[in-house]
C-alpha cells in the first residue's frame, strides 16, 4: 500500500515509502523484545537523562520539525512549532516526575511489610493519528519509556516523515535501539502485531471504528488497551458569561488544527438571551480569519489533511442543510480565497462555516465533524443546555461559560465528559489526566494516571 507525504495545501506528493514486509515487522518485534530485557533494568535517572536530551533536540530543531508537520498534514506553521514545544514539555514532565509516580506505595496491613509496586509490561503498540503528529506520540512515548516499557509506533500513513523523525529524536537522545521503533505499515497489519504474544498492550487515538477494531483484537488475547476516540464537544455559553472572551475563545476552540481535533469545540450551545449577540460576533470573527498557505506565519486556517476528509466534511454540511440547518457563513468548498491561487487551487481547503437552526436529532448534531464547521444551538435555560450537551454518544471534553457559581457547579457535576473546562477551552496538559467516557474511549493519558496505564500494579505482602 502507499505510504507517502502529500502536501495537503497543493496536492503534491513530496516523498513515498515502501511499507515494511512481514519479515521486517517480525525483526522489529524481535529487536523490541531483546531490548526490553535490558532496558527494563535501566535506572530511572538514566531514562530521565535520555528523555531530557530528547526534549532539548525538540526545542533546538522545532522550526524544522514544525515545517515537516505542516508539509505533511497542513497545520499552520505557528501551531506546528508550538506542538513541538509542547512535546518537549511532556518529555520534561515525565523525566522530572516519573520516579515519584512510580515509587512503591506502603500499605498498612497485618503483614510486617506490604506495599504496591509498579513494573513495566513490555512491548506496547501505539496506533497514532495524523492530526497532532508529534504531540500524540510523545504523550504516549514519554510515560511508557519512563515506566520501563518499549514502544512500537504505527503512525498514520500520511505522516511517515514525522513518524521516522520521532524515532530518530529518541535514539539521538540516548535511548537504545529497539526501545522505540517506527513501523511504516498500513492498518491491515495492526491485528497481526497485536496478536503476537510478545505485545503486552496497545493504545490508539483515532476513530470509533479503529478503536473498536483494536479493542476487539486485543480482547481476544486479553491484552490491555487505552483508547482516545472521537468527540463532539459542547461549548455551553450562559447569559452571565463574559461574552467577548467567550466568543474569542469559541473561534480558537473550533479552529484549532484547522478544525481537526477531537477536543475542538463543535457544538455551541448558547442561552437565548445572548444568542443573537454571540452569533453576530462569531460571524464577524469568522470573516476575519486568514485562510491560505500554512507555511506563512499570518495564516490562521490551512487545508484539511486529505481530500477524503474534505469530502466527508462537506457531505456532513450538506446533510445538515437538508435536515433544516441554515448556513450563516461558509459551507462552499469552491468559495475560498485559495481557489484563485494556482499553487493552492488543488489544496484541501474548506471555509470556516457556521450553521444554525440544526435539529437536535440531525446527524451532524450527533456526529463528530472534523473540519472548521460550527453548529450553534439556542437554549432557554441551564436545564436544556445540559441535556443537549449530553445528548451525543461522545464524552471527551466540554467547555462551559458562566459567572454564576451555582451554574458552574452544576455544569461541572452534570456534563458527561472526561474533562470539563469552566470559562476556558478544552486542552490537554501533561499535568492532568486526559481521556473520555462513552464512545470517546476509555483509559487515561498524561498526569500520574497516564504512566500507570502501562504498568503491572503488583501487590507485595511480606510476613
Protein backbone atom coordinates (compact mmCIF):
# COMPACT_ATOMS: atom_id res chain seq x y z
CA UNK A 1 0.00 0.00 0.00
CA UNK A 2 1.10 3.60 -0.48
CA UNK A 3 2.74 5.45 2.38
CA UNK A 4 3.54 8.98 1.32
CA UNK A 5 3.88 12.61 2.26
CA UNK A 6 1.33 14.51 0.17
CA UNK A 7 1.25 18.26 0.78
CA UNK A 8 -2.45 18.95 1.57
CA UNK A 9 -2.08 22.60 0.57
CA UNK A 10 -1.06 21.78 -3.01
CA UNK A 11 -1.79 18.08 -3.60
CA UNK A 12 1.87 17.50 -4.47
CA UNK A 13 3.42 14.17 -3.48
CA UNK A 14 6.69 15.01 -1.74
CA UNK A 15 8.03 11.59 -0.77
CA UNK A 16 6.91 7.97 -0.90
CA UNK A 17 7.92 4.97 1.21
CA UNK A 18 7.60 1.22 0.90
CA UNK A 19 5.60 -0.44 3.63
CA UNK A 20 7.52 -2.88 5.82
CA UNK A 21 7.34 -6.53 4.88
CA UNK A 22 6.14 -9.17 7.33
CA UNK A 23 9.75 -10.18 7.79
CA UNK A 24 10.78 -6.64 8.70
CA UNK A 25 7.88 -6.38 11.17
CA UNK A 26 8.97 -9.65 12.81
CA UNK A 27 12.53 -8.37 13.12
CA UNK A 28 11.29 -5.16 14.74
CA UNK A 29 9.35 -7.13 17.34
CA UNK A 30 12.41 -9.32 17.94
CA UNK A 31 14.51 -6.21 18.49
CA UNK A 32 11.95 -4.73 20.87
CA UNK A 33 11.81 -7.93 22.91
CA UNK A 34 15.60 -8.17 23.09
CA UNK A 35 15.95 -4.52 24.11
CA UNK A 36 13.26 -4.77 26.77
CA UNK A 37 15.14 -7.45 28.69
CA UNK A 38 17.93 -5.00 29.47
CA UNK A 39 16.07 -1.70 29.21
CA UNK A 40 13.59 -2.62 31.94
CA UNK A 41 16.51 -2.63 34.40
CA UNK A 42 17.88 0.75 33.30
CA UNK A 43 17.83 3.16 36.27
CA UNK A 44 15.10 5.77 36.20
CA UNK A 45 17.71 8.50 36.38
CA UNK A 46 19.28 7.27 33.14
CA UNK A 47 15.92 7.09 31.37
CA UNK A 48 15.19 10.63 32.55
CA UNK A 49 18.55 11.81 31.22
CA UNK A 50 17.70 10.43 27.79
CA UNK A 51 14.23 11.99 27.84
CA UNK A 52 15.64 15.39 28.85
CA UNK A 53 18.03 15.07 25.89
CA UNK A 54 15.13 14.33 23.54
CA UNK A 55 13.37 17.45 24.83
CA UNK A 56 16.48 19.51 24.05
CA UNK A 57 16.57 18.17 20.49
CA UNK A 58 12.89 19.02 20.03
CA UNK A 59 13.39 22.59 21.17
CA UNK A 60 16.61 23.16 19.24
CA UNK A 61 15.10 21.87 15.98
CA UNK A 62 11.49 22.98 16.46
CA UNK A 63 11.41 25.08 13.30
CA UNK A 64 12.48 22.12 11.16
CA UNK A 65 10.05 19.70 12.82
CA UNK A 66 7.25 22.27 12.67
CA UNK A 67 7.71 22.70 8.93
CA UNK A 68 7.70 18.93 8.47
CA UNK A 69 4.32 18.63 10.19
CA UNK A 70 2.88 21.48 8.17
CA UNK A 71 4.01 19.92 4.89
CA UNK A 72 2.58 16.53 5.85
CA UNK A 73 -0.83 17.41 7.29
CA UNK A 74 -1.43 21.13 6.76
CA UNK A 75 -1.29 22.58 10.27
CA UNK A 76 -0.39 26.31 10.22
CA UNK A 77 3.29 26.78 10.96
CA UNK A 78 2.82 28.67 14.23
CA UNK A 79 0.76 25.90 15.88
CA UNK A 80 3.15 23.31 14.39
CA UNK A 81 6.12 24.83 16.17
CA UNK A 82 4.04 25.17 19.34
CA UNK A 83 3.25 21.45 19.11
CA UNK A 84 6.94 20.61 19.05
CA UNK A 85 7.46 22.78 22.13
CA UNK A 86 4.59 21.03 23.89
CA UNK A 87 6.13 17.66 23.04
CA UNK A 88 9.34 18.81 24.75
CA UNK A 89 7.25 19.82 27.76
CA UNK A 90 5.71 16.35 28.15
CA UNK A 91 9.17 14.78 27.92
CA UNK A 92 10.45 17.03 30.68
CA UNK A 93 7.34 16.46 32.79
CA UNK A 94 7.79 12.70 32.89
CA UNK A 95 11.57 12.89 33.19
CA UNK A 96 11.05 15.03 36.30
CA UNK A 97 8.09 13.20 37.85
CA UNK A 98 8.29 9.53 36.87
CA UNK A 99 10.32 8.50 39.92
CA UNK A 100 7.68 9.99 42.20
CA UNK A 101 4.80 8.48 40.21
CA UNK A 102 6.38 5.01 40.20
CA UNK A 103 7.61 4.96 43.79
CA UNK A 104 6.36 1.98 45.85
CA UNK A 105 3.32 2.85 47.98
CA UNK A 106 3.38 1.36 51.51
CA UNK A 107 0.08 -0.06 52.75
CA UNK A 108 -0.53 -0.90 56.39
CA UNK A 109 -1.84 -4.48 56.78
CA UNK A 110 -1.30 -7.46 59.08
CA UNK A 111 1.99 -8.17 57.29
CA UNK A 112 5.32 -6.98 58.63
CA UNK A 113 5.73 -5.19 55.31
CA UNK A 114 3.23 -4.65 52.49
CA UNK A 115 3.25 -2.27 49.59
CA UNK A 116 2.27 -1.70 45.95
CA UNK A 117 5.00 -1.54 43.34
CA UNK A 118 4.88 -0.69 39.64
CA UNK A 119 6.71 -2.66 36.96
CA UNK A 120 6.78 -2.34 33.15
CA UNK A 121 4.66 -4.62 30.97
CA UNK A 122 6.95 -4.98 27.96
CA UNK A 123 6.25 -4.08 24.34
CA UNK A 124 3.40 -1.59 23.87
CA UNK A 125 1.97 -0.88 20.40
CA UNK A 126 0.84 2.70 19.76
CA UNK A 127 -1.53 3.39 16.85
CA UNK A 128 -1.46 7.15 16.43
CA UNK A 129 -3.32 9.73 14.28
CA UNK A 130 -2.09 12.37 11.88
CA UNK A 131 -3.73 15.46 13.38
CA UNK A 132 -1.07 16.06 16.06
CA UNK A 133 1.82 14.06 14.57
CA UNK A 134 4.36 14.80 17.33
CA UNK A 135 2.25 15.52 20.41
CA UNK A 136 0.09 12.40 20.19
CA UNK A 137 3.16 10.20 20.01
CA UNK A 138 5.27 11.89 22.68
CA UNK A 139 2.42 11.91 25.19
CA UNK A 140 2.46 8.11 24.86
CA UNK A 141 6.19 7.59 24.47
CA UNK A 142 7.37 9.75 27.38
CA UNK A 143 5.46 7.91 30.14
CA UNK A 144 5.77 4.48 28.51
CA UNK A 145 9.54 4.72 28.19
CA UNK A 146 9.97 6.18 31.68
CA UNK A 147 7.96 3.26 33.08
CA UNK A 148 10.45 0.85 31.50
CA UNK A 149 8.34 -0.30 28.57
CA UNK A 150 9.47 -0.32 24.95
CA UNK A 151 7.29 1.00 22.13
CA UNK A 152 6.29 0.22 18.58
CA UNK A 153 4.65 3.06 16.64
CA UNK A 154 2.18 2.55 13.83
CA UNK A 155 1.62 6.16 12.83
CA UNK A 156 -0.91 7.41 10.31
CA UNK A 157 0.21 6.68 6.75
CA UNK A 158 0.09 10.34 5.67
CA UNK A 159 2.74 11.48 8.20
CA UNK A 160 5.60 9.00 7.62
CA UNK A 161 8.40 11.55 7.88
CA UNK A 162 7.12 12.76 11.25
CA UNK A 163 6.97 9.15 12.41
CA UNK A 164 10.56 8.46 11.38
CA UNK A 165 11.74 11.74 12.89
CA UNK A 166 10.34 10.79 16.31
CA UNK A 167 12.27 7.52 16.41
CA UNK A 168 15.39 9.41 15.39
CA UNK A 169 14.90 12.04 18.10
CA UNK A 170 14.60 9.42 20.84
CA UNK A 171 17.62 7.49 19.62
CA UNK A 172 19.67 10.68 19.36
CA UNK A 173 18.59 11.44 22.90
CA UNK A 174 20.24 8.23 24.03
CA UNK A 175 17.52 5.59 24.14
CA UNK A 176 18.88 2.22 22.94
CA UNK A 177 17.93 0.96 19.51
CA UNK A 178 14.83 -1.15 19.83
CA UNK A 179 13.38 0.89 22.70
CA UNK A 180 11.17 2.87 20.32
CA UNK A 181 10.63 1.87 16.70
CA UNK A 182 8.51 3.36 13.94
CA UNK A 183 6.78 0.81 11.70
CA UNK A 184 5.78 2.15 8.29
CA UNK A 185 2.82 -0.14 7.76
CA UNK A 186 -0.83 0.03 6.81
CA UNK A 187 -3.74 -0.50 9.18
CA UNK A 188 -4.15 -4.02 7.81
CA UNK A 189 -1.03 -5.13 9.72
CA UNK A 190 -2.17 -3.98 13.16
CA UNK A 191 -4.17 -7.11 14.03
CA UNK A 192 -1.28 -9.49 13.39
CA UNK A 193 1.03 -7.37 15.54
CA UNK A 194 -1.44 -7.18 18.42
CA UNK A 195 -1.92 -10.94 18.24
CA UNK A 196 1.80 -11.58 18.77
CA UNK A 197 2.29 -12.93 22.30
CA UNK A 198 5.19 -10.56 22.88
CA UNK A 199 2.97 -7.49 22.53
CA UNK A 200 1.61 -6.83 26.03
CA UNK A 201 -0.68 -3.83 25.49
CA UNK A 202 -1.82 -1.30 22.91
CA UNK A 203 -3.02 2.28 22.77
CA UNK A 204 -4.89 4.05 20.00
CA UNK A 205 -6.01 7.58 19.29
CA UNK A 206 -8.36 7.77 16.35
CA UNK A 207 -11.84 6.98 15.11
CA UNK A 208 -14.52 4.86 16.76
CA UNK A 209 -14.24 2.06 14.16
CA UNK A 210 -10.46 1.93 14.53
CA UNK A 211 -10.74 1.83 18.31
CA UNK A 212 -13.38 -0.87 18.28
CA UNK A 213 -11.28 -2.97 15.90
CA UNK A 214 -8.15 -2.69 18.04
CA UNK A 215 -10.03 -3.38 21.27
CA UNK A 216 -11.68 -6.44 19.73
CA UNK A 217 -8.38 -7.85 18.51
CA UNK A 218 -6.64 -7.16 21.82
CA UNK A 219 -9.57 -8.58 23.76
CA UNK A 220 -9.19 -11.94 22.07
CA UNK A 221 -5.72 -12.14 23.60
CA UNK A 222 -6.78 -10.48 26.89
CA UNK A 223 -4.46 -7.53 26.37
CA UNK A 224 -4.82 -4.09 27.94
CA UNK A 225 -5.83 -1.19 25.70
CA UNK A 226 -6.20 2.55 26.12
CA UNK A 227 -8.44 4.31 23.59
CA UNK A 228 -8.86 8.03 22.92
CA UNK A 229 -11.51 8.31 20.25
CA UNK A 230 -13.76 10.97 18.78
CA UNK A 231 -15.61 13.83 20.37
CA UNK A 232 -18.49 16.17 19.68
CA UNK A 233 -17.53 18.56 22.42
CA UNK A 234 -20.11 21.08 23.64
CA UNK A 235 -19.27 24.72 24.28
CA UNK A 236 -22.01 25.98 26.60
CA UNK A 237 -22.45 29.75 26.96
CA UNK A 238 -24.84 31.03 29.61
CA UNK A 239 -26.24 34.56 29.72
CA UNK A 240 -23.92 35.57 32.56
CA UNK A 241 -20.76 34.73 30.60
CA UNK A 242 -18.14 37.28 29.63
CA UNK A 243 -19.35 37.41 26.04
CA UNK A 244 -16.26 38.94 24.43
CA UNK A 245 -13.94 36.36 25.94
CA UNK A 246 -16.35 33.51 25.22
CA UNK A 247 -16.65 34.46 21.53
CA UNK A 248 -12.91 34.89 21.03
CA UNK A 249 -12.25 31.56 22.72
CA UNK A 250 -15.02 29.92 20.69
CA UNK A 251 -13.18 30.76 17.47
CA UNK A 252 -9.90 29.38 18.76
CA UNK A 253 -11.56 26.29 20.22
CA UNK A 254 -13.30 25.44 16.94
CA UNK A 255 -10.47 26.31 14.56
CA UNK A 256 -7.61 24.58 16.37
CA UNK A 257 -5.71 22.43 13.88
CA UNK A 258 -7.97 23.63 11.04
CA UNK A 259 -10.92 22.18 12.98
CA UNK A 260 -9.38 18.71 13.05
CA UNK A 261 -9.14 17.97 16.75
CA UNK A 262 -11.03 15.50 18.90
CA UNK A 263 -11.30 18.10 21.67
CA UNK A 264 -12.16 21.04 19.44
CA UNK A 265 -15.44 22.69 20.40
CA UNK A 266 -18.00 21.56 17.84
CA UNK A 267 -21.49 22.28 19.23
CA UNK A 268 -22.08 25.78 20.57
CA UNK A 269 -25.00 25.78 22.99
CA UNK A 270 -25.97 29.37 23.78
CA UNK A 271 -28.64 30.74 26.11
CA UNK A 272 -31.33 32.53 24.15
CA UNK A 273 -30.86 35.88 25.95
CA UNK A 274 -27.42 36.36 24.40
CA UNK A 275 -27.68 34.15 21.31
CA UNK A 276 -28.03 36.98 18.78
CA UNK A 277 -25.08 38.91 20.19
CA UNK A 278 -22.96 35.74 20.32
CA UNK A 279 -23.77 34.82 16.72
CA UNK A 280 -23.19 38.31 15.33
CA UNK A 281 -19.78 38.50 16.98
CA UNK A 282 -18.88 34.95 15.93
CA UNK A 283 -19.72 35.63 12.27
CA UNK A 284 -17.57 38.77 12.24
CA UNK A 285 -14.60 36.92 13.70
CA UNK A 286 -15.04 34.10 11.17
CA UNK A 287 -15.00 36.62 8.33
CA UNK A 288 -11.65 37.95 9.57
CA UNK A 289 -9.88 34.58 9.62
CA UNK A 290 -6.96 34.30 7.16
CA UNK A 291 -7.08 31.15 5.03
CA UNK A 292 -4.15 30.12 2.89
CA UNK A 293 -0.64 28.71 2.70
CA UNK A 294 0.01 27.13 6.12
CA UNK A 295 3.74 27.84 5.85
CA UNK A 296 3.08 31.59 6.09
CA UNK A 297 3.06 32.89 9.66
CA UNK A 298 -0.01 35.06 9.10
CA UNK A 299 -2.17 32.09 8.01
CA UNK A 300 -4.76 31.04 10.59
CA UNK A 301 -6.58 28.31 8.66
CA UNK A 302 -4.79 25.82 6.45
CA UNK A 303 -6.08 22.86 4.43
CA UNK A 304 -7.72 19.74 5.72
CA UNK A 305 -5.33 16.80 5.83
CA UNK A 306 -6.72 14.74 2.93
CA UNK A 307 -9.23 15.01 0.09
CA UNK A 308 -11.31 12.30 1.81
CA UNK A 309 -11.68 14.45 4.92
CA UNK A 310 -12.69 17.44 2.79
CA UNK A 311 -15.34 15.33 1.06
CA UNK A 312 -16.69 13.98 4.36
CA UNK A 313 -16.94 17.42 5.96
CA UNK A 314 -18.84 18.84 3.01
CA UNK A 315 -21.12 15.79 2.95
CA UNK A 316 -21.97 16.40 6.61
CA UNK A 317 -22.69 20.07 5.93
CA UNK A 318 -24.99 19.22 3.01
CA UNK A 319 -26.82 16.65 5.13
CA UNK A 320 -27.27 19.25 7.84
CA UNK A 321 -28.78 21.72 5.37
CA UNK A 322 -31.16 19.02 4.11
CA UNK A 323 -32.21 18.41 7.73
CA UNK A 324 -33.15 22.09 8.13
CA UNK A 325 -29.89 23.76 9.10
CA UNK A 326 -29.14 27.26 7.82
CA UNK A 327 -25.63 28.41 6.84
CA UNK A 328 -24.66 31.85 8.09
CA UNK A 329 -21.16 31.82 6.60
CA UNK A 330 -19.11 29.33 4.58
CA UNK A 331 -20.40 25.94 3.51
CA UNK A 332 -18.99 26.04 -0.05
CA UNK A 333 -15.54 24.49 -0.67
CA UNK A 334 -15.39 26.24 -4.03
CA UNK A 335 -15.73 29.64 -2.37
CA UNK A 336 -12.41 30.07 -0.57
CA UNK A 337 -9.63 32.54 -1.41
CA UNK A 338 -7.14 29.77 -2.15
CA UNK A 339 -9.05 28.71 -5.27
CA UNK A 340 -7.74 31.82 -7.03
CA UNK A 341 -4.16 30.82 -6.27
CA UNK A 342 -2.86 28.42 -8.89
CA UNK A 343 -0.43 26.76 -6.49
CA UNK A 344 -3.08 26.24 -3.80
CA UNK A 345 -6.03 25.55 -6.08
CA UNK A 346 -5.69 21.78 -5.59
CA UNK A 347 -5.43 22.05 -1.81
CA UNK A 348 -7.97 20.58 0.61
CA UNK A 349 -9.32 23.92 1.82
CA UNK A 350 -12.74 24.28 3.45
CA UNK A 351 -14.12 27.67 4.51
CA UNK A 352 -14.91 28.44 8.14
CA UNK A 353 -18.61 27.63 8.42
CA UNK A 354 -21.38 28.42 10.91
CA UNK A 355 -24.71 26.58 10.81
CA UNK A 356 -27.81 27.44 12.88
CA UNK A 357 -31.35 26.02 13.19
CA UNK A 358 -29.96 22.49 13.34
CA UNK A 359 -32.49 19.95 14.64
CA UNK A 360 -31.00 18.36 17.81
CA UNK A 361 -31.56 14.90 16.34
CA UNK A 362 -29.90 15.69 12.98
CA UNK A 363 -26.85 13.54 12.22
CA UNK A 364 -24.45 16.49 12.43
CA UNK A 365 -25.70 17.17 15.98
CA UNK A 366 -24.71 13.64 16.97
CA UNK A 367 -21.56 13.04 14.91
CA UNK A 368 -18.05 14.35 15.13
CA UNK A 369 -17.23 16.79 12.33
CA UNK A 370 -13.52 17.08 11.61
CA UNK A 371 -13.26 20.46 9.98
CA UNK A 372 -13.82 24.21 10.55
CA UNK A 373 -17.61 23.90 10.95
CA UNK A 374 -19.54 25.14 14.00
CA UNK A 375 -23.14 24.32 14.77
CA UNK A 376 -24.92 26.77 17.07
CA UNK A 377 -27.96 25.88 19.18
CA UNK A 378 -30.21 28.21 21.19
CA UNK A 379 -31.48 27.06 24.57
CA UNK A 380 -33.79 28.77 27.08
CA UNK A 381 -32.05 27.76 30.30
CA UNK A 382 -29.40 25.68 32.06
CA UNK A 383 -31.53 22.52 32.23
CA UNK A 384 -31.95 22.37 28.47
CA UNK A 385 -28.30 23.31 27.89
CA UNK A 386 -27.04 20.39 29.98
CA UNK A 387 -29.50 17.97 28.41
CA UNK A 388 -28.48 19.00 24.88
CA UNK A 389 -24.77 18.92 25.73
CA UNK A 390 -25.13 15.32 26.96
CA UNK A 391 -27.29 14.17 24.05
CA UNK A 392 -24.49 12.69 21.91
CA UNK A 393 -22.80 9.30 22.24
CA UNK A 394 -19.48 11.07 22.90
CA UNK A 395 -17.97 12.28 26.14
CA UNK A 396 -14.45 13.59 25.60
CA UNK A 397 -14.37 17.23 26.74
CA UNK A 398 -16.73 20.07 27.49
CA UNK A 399 -16.29 23.82 27.85
CA UNK A 400 -18.80 25.89 29.81
CA UNK A 401 -19.09 29.62 30.37
CA UNK A 402 -20.85 31.32 33.27
CA UNK A 403 -20.11 33.82 36.02
CA UNK A 404 -22.75 32.40 38.37
CA UNK A 405 -21.07 29.95 40.81
CA UNK A 406 -24.17 27.78 41.19
CA UNK A 407 -24.42 27.36 37.40
CA UNK A 408 -20.74 26.50 37.24
CA UNK A 409 -21.11 23.86 39.93
CA UNK A 410 -23.96 22.19 38.08
CA UNK A 411 -22.14 22.24 34.76
CA UNK A 412 -19.03 20.69 36.31
CA UNK A 413 -21.07 17.99 38.04
CA UNK A 414 -23.53 17.13 35.29
CA UNK A 415 -21.74 17.45 31.95
CA UNK A 416 -20.87 13.94 30.77
CA UNK A 417 -17.23 14.20 29.74
CA UNK A 418 -13.74 13.13 30.67
CA UNK A 419 -12.89 16.78 31.33
CA UNK A 420 -14.83 19.98 31.94
CA UNK A 421 -13.21 23.38 31.48
CA UNK A 422 -15.09 26.25 33.09
CA UNK A 423 -14.54 29.65 31.42
CA UNK A 424 -11.77 28.22 29.25
CA UNK A 425 -11.31 26.00 26.21
CA UNK A 426 -10.66 22.28 26.49
CA UNK A 427 -6.98 21.41 26.15
CA UNK A 428 -4.55 18.68 27.07
CA UNK A 429 -1.90 19.34 29.71
CA UNK A 430 0.87 16.95 30.82
CA UNK A 431 -0.05 17.60 34.45
CA UNK A 432 -3.70 16.50 34.08
CA UNK A 433 -5.14 13.11 33.08
CA UNK A 434 -6.76 13.15 29.64
CA UNK A 435 -9.36 10.83 28.14
CA UNK A 436 -13.04 10.26 27.57
CA UNK A 437 -16.14 8.32 28.51
CA UNK A 438 -18.99 6.79 26.49
CA UNK A 439 -17.93 6.32 22.85
CA UNK A 440 -14.98 8.66 23.27
CA UNK A 441 -12.95 5.78 24.67
CA UNK A 442 -11.50 4.67 27.98
CA UNK A 443 -8.29 4.86 29.96
CA UNK A 444 -6.24 7.96 30.56
CA UNK A 445 -3.12 9.56 29.15
CA UNK A 446 -0.99 12.23 30.84
CA UNK A 447 -0.66 13.02 34.54
CA UNK A 448 0.16 10.29 37.05
CA UNK A 449 -2.70 8.21 35.64
CA UNK A 450 -1.06 8.18 32.21
CA UNK A 451 2.14 6.47 33.38
CA UNK A 452 0.19 3.92 35.43
CA UNK A 453 -1.86 2.69 32.45
CA UNK A 454 1.00 0.51 31.20
CA UNK A 455 2.49 -0.96 34.35
CA UNK A 456 1.90 -4.07 36.40
CA UNK A 457 0.42 -2.84 39.68
CA UNK A 458 1.98 -5.51 41.88
CA UNK A 459 0.85 -6.12 45.46
CA UNK A 460 3.67 -7.22 47.79
CA UNK A 461 2.97 -8.82 51.21
CA UNK A 462 5.82 -9.93 53.44
CA UNK A 463 5.43 -11.67 56.82
